[in-house]
């Protein structure tokens, strides 16, 4: 019984870390998306001078 619990513990920790990393990436992308739309709504051209 104790070997099963020891084997399951690292998997549970890894799952929580992966879930946290996914949420962080998702939050970063959503904030960037919202910021881009906010700048676009104000008429600020982020691509000016790239051509």
N, C-alpha and C. Protein backbone atom coordinates (compact mmCIF):
# COMPACT_ATOMS: atom_id res chain seq x y z
N UNK A 1 0.82 -1.19 0.00
CA UNK A 1 0.00 0.00 0.00
C UNK A 1 0.86 1.26 0.00
N UNK A 2 1.92 1.27 0.78
CA UNK A 2 2.75 2.47 0.85
C UNK A 2 3.52 2.69 -0.45
N UNK A 3 3.89 1.64 -1.15
CA UNK A 3 4.60 1.79 -2.42
C UNK A 3 3.69 2.42 -3.47
N UNK A 4 2.41 2.10 -3.43
CA UNK A 4 1.46 2.69 -4.38
C UNK A 4 1.33 4.19 -4.12
N UNK A 5 1.24 4.57 -2.86
CA UNK A 5 1.12 6.00 -2.54
C UNK A 5 2.40 6.75 -2.89
N UNK A 6 3.56 6.12 -2.72
CA UNK A 6 4.82 6.78 -3.08
C UNK A 6 4.94 6.95 -4.59
N UNK A 7 4.45 5.98 -5.35
CA UNK A 7 4.51 6.06 -6.80
C UNK A 7 3.54 7.10 -7.34
N UNK A 8 2.41 7.29 -6.66
CA UNK A 8 1.40 8.23 -7.13
C UNK A 8 1.74 9.67 -6.79
N UNK A 9 2.53 9.92 -5.76
CA UNK A 9 2.83 11.28 -5.32
C UNK A 9 3.57 12.11 -6.37
N UNK A 10 4.64 11.62 -7.00
CA UNK A 10 5.30 12.45 -8.03
C UNK A 10 4.39 12.76 -9.22
N UNK A 11 3.53 11.82 -9.57
CA UNK A 11 2.62 12.06 -10.69
C UNK A 11 1.64 13.17 -10.35
N UNK A 12 1.15 13.21 -9.12
CA UNK A 12 0.22 14.25 -8.70
C UNK A 12 0.90 15.61 -8.69
N UNK A 13 2.12 15.69 -8.23
CA UNK A 13 2.86 16.95 -8.20
C UNK A 13 3.13 17.43 -9.62
N UNK A 14 3.51 16.53 -10.51
CA UNK A 14 3.79 16.89 -11.90
C UNK A 14 2.52 17.39 -12.59
N UNK A 15 1.38 16.77 -12.30
CA UNK A 15 0.12 17.20 -12.90
C UNK A 15 -0.24 18.60 -12.45
N UNK A 16 -0.06 18.91 -11.19
CA UNK A 16 -0.36 20.26 -10.69
C UNK A 16 0.55 21.29 -11.34
N UNK A 17 1.83 20.95 -11.50
CA UNK A 17 2.77 21.88 -12.12
C UNK A 17 2.39 22.14 -13.58
N UNK A 18 2.04 21.09 -14.30
CA UNK A 18 1.65 21.23 -15.69
C UNK A 18 0.39 22.07 -15.81
N UNK A 19 -0.57 21.86 -14.93
CA UNK A 19 -1.80 22.62 -14.94
C UNK A 19 -1.52 24.10 -14.66
N UNK A 20 -0.63 24.36 -13.72
CA UNK A 20 -0.27 25.74 -13.39
C UNK A 20 0.45 26.41 -14.56
N UNK A 21 1.35 25.69 -15.21
CA UNK A 21 2.07 26.24 -16.35
C UNK A 21 1.10 26.54 -17.50
N UNK A 22 0.13 25.66 -17.71
CA UNK A 22 -0.86 25.87 -18.78
C UNK A 22 -1.70 27.11 -18.48
N UNK A 23 -2.10 27.27 -17.23
CA UNK A 23 -2.89 28.45 -16.85
C UNK A 23 -2.08 29.72 -17.01
N UNK A 24 -0.80 29.68 -16.69
CA UNK A 24 0.05 30.85 -16.83
C UNK A 24 0.20 31.24 -18.30
N UNK A 25 0.41 30.27 -19.16
CA UNK A 25 0.53 30.54 -20.59
C UNK A 25 -0.78 31.08 -21.15
N UNK A 26 -1.89 30.49 -20.74
CA UNK A 26 -3.20 30.94 -21.19
C UNK A 26 -3.48 32.36 -20.73
N UNK A 27 -3.14 32.68 -19.49
CA UNK A 27 -3.34 34.03 -18.97
C UNK A 27 -2.48 35.03 -19.73
N UNK A 28 -1.22 34.68 -20.01
CA UNK A 28 -0.31 35.57 -20.74
C UNK A 28 -0.85 35.85 -22.15
N UNK A 29 -1.34 34.82 -22.81
CA UNK A 29 -1.87 35.01 -24.16
C UNK A 29 -3.14 35.86 -24.16
N UNK A 30 -4.00 35.63 -23.18
CA UNK A 30 -5.24 36.42 -23.10
C UNK A 30 -4.95 37.89 -22.81
N UNK A 31 -4.00 38.16 -21.93
CA UNK A 31 -3.64 39.55 -21.62
C UNK A 31 -3.05 40.22 -22.86
N UNK A 32 -2.20 39.53 -23.59
CA UNK A 32 -1.64 40.08 -24.82
C UNK A 32 -2.70 40.34 -25.87
N UNK A 33 -3.66 39.44 -25.98
CA UNK A 33 -4.76 39.58 -26.93
C UNK A 33 -5.61 40.81 -26.59
N UNK A 34 -5.94 40.96 -25.32
CA UNK A 34 -6.75 42.10 -24.88
C UNK A 34 -5.98 43.40 -25.06
N UNK A 35 -4.69 43.40 -24.75
CA UNK A 35 -3.88 44.61 -24.92
C UNK A 35 -3.78 44.99 -26.40
N UNK A 36 -3.65 44.02 -27.27
CA UNK A 36 -3.58 44.30 -28.71
C UNK A 36 -4.87 44.93 -29.21
N UNK A 37 -6.00 44.38 -28.77
CA UNK A 37 -7.28 44.95 -29.19
C UNK A 37 -7.48 46.35 -28.61
N UNK A 38 -7.01 46.57 -27.40
CA UNK A 38 -7.11 47.90 -26.81
C UNK A 38 -6.30 48.92 -27.58
N UNK A 39 -5.10 48.56 -27.97
CA UNK A 39 -4.27 49.46 -28.76
C UNK A 39 -4.86 49.68 -30.15
N UNK A 40 -5.40 48.63 -30.74
CA UNK A 40 -6.01 48.74 -32.06
C UNK A 40 -7.24 49.64 -32.01
N UNK A 41 -8.02 49.56 -30.94
CA UNK A 41 -9.21 50.39 -30.79
C UNK A 41 -8.85 51.87 -30.67
N UNK A 42 -7.69 52.15 -30.11
CA UNK A 42 -7.23 53.54 -29.98
C UNK A 42 -6.51 54.04 -31.24
N UNK A 43 -6.30 53.16 -32.19
CA UNK A 43 -5.69 53.56 -33.45
C UNK A 43 -4.17 53.52 -33.46
N UNK A 44 -3.58 52.84 -32.49
CA UNK A 44 -2.12 52.74 -32.43
C UNK A 44 -1.68 51.58 -33.32
N UNK A 45 -0.77 51.87 -34.24
CA UNK A 45 -0.30 50.86 -35.20
C UNK A 45 0.98 50.23 -34.66
N UNK A 46 0.89 48.95 -34.28
CA UNK A 46 2.06 48.27 -33.74
C UNK A 46 3.06 47.88 -34.83
N UNK A 47 2.61 47.85 -36.08
CA UNK A 47 3.49 47.45 -37.16
C UNK A 47 4.11 48.62 -37.92
N UNK A 48 4.00 49.81 -37.41
CA UNK A 48 4.53 50.98 -38.11
C UNK A 48 6.05 50.91 -38.17
N UNK A 49 6.59 51.14 -39.33
CA UNK A 49 8.03 51.16 -39.51
C UNK A 49 8.65 49.81 -39.77
N UNK A 50 7.87 48.76 -39.90
CA UNK A 50 8.44 47.43 -40.14
C UNK A 50 8.67 47.17 -41.62
N UNK A 51 8.08 47.96 -42.49
CA UNK A 51 8.22 47.71 -43.93
C UNK A 51 9.41 48.46 -44.47
